[in-house]
Protein backbone atom coordinates (compact mmCIF):
# COMPACT_ATOMS: atom_id res chain seq x y z
CA MET A 1 87.62 124.17 132.91
CA SER A 2 84.01 122.98 132.96
CA TYR A 3 83.08 119.35 132.61
CA VAL A 4 79.93 117.30 132.40
CA ARG A 5 79.52 113.91 134.03
CA PHE A 6 77.70 110.95 132.55
CA CYS A 7 75.50 108.69 134.63
CA ALA A 8 76.01 104.96 134.32
CA PHE A 9 73.20 102.92 132.79
CA PRO A 10 72.74 99.16 132.35
CA PRO A 11 75.02 97.87 129.58
CA PRO A 12 73.27 96.73 126.41
CA ALA A 13 73.64 93.22 125.06
CA SER A 14 76.72 93.29 122.85
CA LYS A 15 76.19 93.04 119.09
CA TRP A 16 79.88 92.62 118.39
CA LYS A 17 81.21 89.06 118.21
CA ASP A 18 84.31 89.68 116.08
CA LYS A 19 87.78 89.07 117.49
CA PRO A 20 91.33 88.96 116.13
CA LYS A 21 92.36 85.60 114.71
CA GLY A 22 93.95 83.38 117.35
CA GLU A 23 92.89 85.58 120.26
CA THR A 24 91.31 84.02 123.34
CA LEU A 25 88.11 85.95 123.98
CA LYS A 26 87.86 85.91 127.77
CA TYR A 27 85.18 88.59 127.90
CA ARG A 28 82.73 89.03 125.04
CA ASN A 29 81.42 92.32 126.43
CA PHE A 30 81.46 94.60 129.45
CA PHE A 31 78.49 92.88 131.06
CA GLU A 32 80.49 89.65 131.34
CA LEU A 33 83.53 91.48 132.70
CA LYS A 34 81.47 93.39 135.25
CA LYS A 35 79.88 90.19 136.61
CA ARG A 36 83.30 88.80 137.57
CA ASN A 37 85.15 91.95 138.61
CA ILE A 38 84.70 94.93 140.92
CA GLU A 39 85.09 98.54 139.82
CA ASN A 40 87.89 100.43 141.62
CA VAL A 41 89.26 97.09 142.86
CA ASP A 42 89.91 95.13 139.66
CA TYR A 43 89.45 97.97 137.17
CA ALA A 44 88.87 101.72 137.06
CA ILE A 45 87.18 104.05 134.60
CA ILE A 46 88.33 107.62 134.00
CA ARG A 47 86.48 110.05 131.76
CA ARG A 48 86.67 113.75 131.12
CA CYS A 49 84.12 115.42 128.89
CA LEU A 50 84.52 119.08 127.98
CA ILE A 51 81.55 121.34 127.45
CA ALA A 52 82.88 122.31 124.02
CA LYS A 53 81.09 120.69 121.07
CA ASN A 54 82.52 119.11 117.92
CA ILE A 55 85.73 117.88 119.49
CA PRO A 56 87.18 114.35 119.39
CA VAL A 57 87.60 111.95 122.28
CA ILE A 58 90.93 110.24 122.92
CA ILE A 59 90.44 106.80 124.43
CA SER A 60 92.48 104.00 125.97
CA ILE A 61 90.25 100.95 126.45
CA HIS A 62 93.16 98.64 127.31
CA GLY A 63 94.97 100.85 129.81
CA GLY A 64 96.64 99.87 133.06
CA LYS A 65 98.11 96.37 133.15
CA THR A 66 96.66 95.30 129.79
CA GLU A 67 98.58 97.71 127.51
CA PRO A 68 100.68 99.90 129.84
CA TYR A 69 101.23 103.59 129.10
CA THR A 70 98.35 103.79 126.62
CA GLU A 71 96.25 105.73 129.13
CA ILE A 72 99.17 108.14 129.68
CA ILE A 73 99.48 108.77 125.95
CA ALA A 74 95.72 109.21 125.53
CA ASN A 75 95.53 111.61 128.48
CA GLY A 76 98.49 113.56 127.15
CA ILE A 77 96.95 113.99 123.71
CA ALA A 78 93.59 114.98 125.17
CA GLY A 79 94.99 117.47 127.69
CA ASP A 80 92.51 120.30 128.15
CA LYS A 81 91.58 120.37 124.45
CA PHE A 82 89.71 117.10 123.86
CA ASN A 83 87.47 114.59 125.62
CA TYR A 84 89.21 111.68 127.35
CA TYR A 85 88.29 108.15 128.40
CA ALA A 86 90.36 105.33 129.89
CA PHE A 87 89.53 101.83 131.06
CA LEU A 88 92.33 100.83 133.45
CA ALA A 89 92.98 97.19 134.29
CA ILE A 90 94.18 97.03 137.89
CA LYS A 91 94.73 93.30 137.48
CA LYS A 92 95.77 91.36 134.40
CA GLY A 93 93.39 89.62 132.02
CA LEU A 94 90.72 92.33 131.76
CA ARG A 95 90.58 92.75 128.01
CA ILE A 96 87.58 93.22 125.74
CA PRO A 97 88.50 93.42 122.02
CA SER A 98 87.80 96.77 120.34
CA PRO A 99 84.84 95.53 118.21
CA ASN A 100 83.18 94.16 121.38
CA PHE A 101 83.97 97.03 123.76
CA ASP A 102 80.63 98.33 125.01
CA GLU A 103 81.31 99.85 128.43
CA PRO A 104 78.42 102.36 128.77
CA LYS A 105 80.41 105.46 129.77
CA CYS A 106 82.78 104.89 126.86
CA GLU A 107 79.95 104.49 124.37
CA GLU A 108 78.26 107.63 125.70
CA ILE A 109 81.33 109.84 125.38
CA CYS A 110 82.12 108.41 121.94
CA LYS A 111 78.57 109.19 120.77
CA LYS A 112 78.87 112.78 121.99
CA SER A 113 82.29 113.39 120.42
CA LYS A 114 83.09 114.39 116.85
CA PHE A 115 85.26 111.30 116.30
CA VAL A 116 87.40 108.83 118.25
CA VAL A 117 91.16 108.44 118.44
CA ALA A 118 91.90 105.08 120.08
CA ILE A 119 95.33 104.48 121.62
CA HIS A 120 96.49 100.85 121.76
CA GLY A 121 99.64 98.98 122.69
CA GLU A 122 101.35 96.72 120.15
CA LYS A 123 103.28 93.85 121.72
CA LYS A 124 106.70 94.23 120.06
CA LYS A 125 109.13 94.99 122.87
CA LYS A 126 112.22 96.37 121.14
CA GLU A 127 110.84 98.15 118.08
CA LYS A 128 109.82 101.78 118.43
CA TYR A 129 107.02 102.14 115.91
CA VAL A 130 103.54 103.59 115.48
CA TYR A 131 101.02 101.75 113.29
CA ILE A 132 98.14 103.92 112.10
CA GLY A 133 94.71 102.45 111.43
CA GLY A 134 91.06 103.44 111.43
CA ARG A 135 88.66 104.61 108.72
CA ASN A 136 89.45 108.34 108.71
CA ASN A 137 91.86 108.39 105.77
CA ASP A 138 92.44 112.15 105.80
CA LEU A 139 93.57 112.14 109.43
CA LYS A 140 95.63 109.00 108.91
CA ASP A 141 97.63 110.76 106.21
CA LYS A 142 98.10 113.89 108.31
CA ILE A 143 99.24 111.95 111.38
CA TYR A 144 101.58 109.86 109.25
CA LYS A 145 103.21 112.97 107.76
CA LYS A 146 103.59 114.67 111.13
CA LEU A 147 105.15 111.64 112.81
CA HIS A 148 107.42 110.97 109.84
CA ASP A 149 108.55 114.61 109.79
CA ASN A 150 109.32 114.36 113.51
CA GLU A 151 111.44 111.25 112.92
CA ILE A 152 109.08 108.77 114.56
CA LYS A 153 108.91 105.44 112.74
CA VAL A 154 105.39 105.05 111.43
CA LYS A 155 103.35 102.92 109.04
CA ILE A 156 99.75 103.05 107.83
CA LEU A 157 98.09 99.63 108.04
CA GLU A 158 95.73 98.63 105.25
CA SER A 159 94.62 95.20 106.51
CA GLY A 160 94.55 92.95 109.57
CA HIS A 161 92.90 93.46 112.97
CA LEU A 162 95.51 96.06 113.99
CA ALA A 163 94.33 98.24 111.10
CA GLY A 164 91.07 98.98 112.92
CA LEU A 165 88.99 99.08 109.75
CA CYS A 166 85.80 97.30 110.78
CA GLU A 167 82.77 99.48 111.46
CA GLN A 168 82.11 97.75 114.79
CA ASN A 169 85.47 98.85 116.18
CA ILE A 170 84.90 101.40 118.93
CA CYS A 171 87.01 103.93 117.00
CA ASN A 172 84.61 103.73 114.02
CA ARG A 173 81.30 102.86 115.62
CA TYR A 174 79.77 106.35 115.56
CA SER A 175 81.98 108.06 112.97
CA ASP A 176 85.16 107.23 111.07
CA GLY A 177 88.02 107.42 113.54
CA ILE A 178 91.68 106.65 114.14
CA GLN A 179 93.44 103.71 115.82
CA LEU A 180 97.08 104.06 116.84
CA GLU A 181 98.96 100.86 117.71
CA ILE A 182 102.13 101.84 119.57
CA THR A 183 104.90 99.33 120.23
CA ASN A 184 106.01 98.57 123.75
CA GLY A 185 109.47 99.99 123.06
CA LEU A 186 108.11 103.37 122.07
CA ARG A 187 105.58 103.50 124.89
CA LYS A 188 108.37 103.03 127.43
CA ASP A 189 110.63 105.65 125.83
CA THR A 190 109.76 108.89 127.66
CA TYR A 191 111.28 111.17 125.02
CA LEU A 192 109.55 109.51 122.05
CA ARG A 193 106.32 109.15 123.99
CA GLU A 194 106.16 112.90 124.63
CA LYS A 195 107.14 113.59 121.04
CA LEU A 196 104.30 111.35 119.85
CA ILE A 197 101.79 113.05 122.17
CA GLU A 198 102.66 116.54 120.98
CA SER A 199 102.71 115.50 117.32
CA VAL A 200 99.27 113.90 117.35
CA LYS A 201 97.79 116.72 119.42
CA LYS A 202 99.10 119.28 116.92
CA VAL A 203 97.53 117.39 113.99
CA LEU A 204 94.15 117.25 115.71
CA ILE A 205 94.18 120.92 116.71
CA ASP A 206 95.19 122.00 113.21
CA ALA A 207 92.56 119.78 111.60
CA LEU A 208 89.77 121.19 113.77
CA ASN A 209 90.93 124.79 113.29
CA THR A 210 90.96 124.29 109.52
CA GLU A 211 87.43 122.88 109.60
CA PHE A 212 86.11 125.73 111.76
CA LYS A 213 87.47 128.28 109.28
CA LYS A 214 85.54 126.77 106.37
């Protein structure tokens, strides 16, 4: 499989100041995080960009110790079919909210991709649920149906910061995308996690194949 690599460039000043209500905003943007942390010591960045055009990117911007298993789910969905990006926190506390997330390699791969599917971790420990957000209503409905048919508890969110509806959110910044908030209980369940990965991947492949046939 052929890949292209992106070169890092100085991060732009962040335009995004929004944050979820009640959340402590430790880092307003990547520039602030980078000043106080060292790459490959405190955090790591993984990206995989296929040569193929018009494909989505699956991202986990809160991977590693911030929202565990989200990078595994994102990587599983991407496989060798879609672009992939993960920001992995090697230590705790490295979190930039989605509307503020402006790490340059992430922005570059999101710009080059057809749309973004962002994988996040919801904090509920015991529940095994997937909350679907984002601005791509057609894909939201298709993912909902597929997960529901495969007996995964799922709900489409219409409001609140977990719904991922603002245009500044990294999943919507360059085109209408999808945000999946996955509870801790489901992320830790190996069987359901794999079921989720295969279900979402199938929806994305089918959606792209349908579009190419038009």
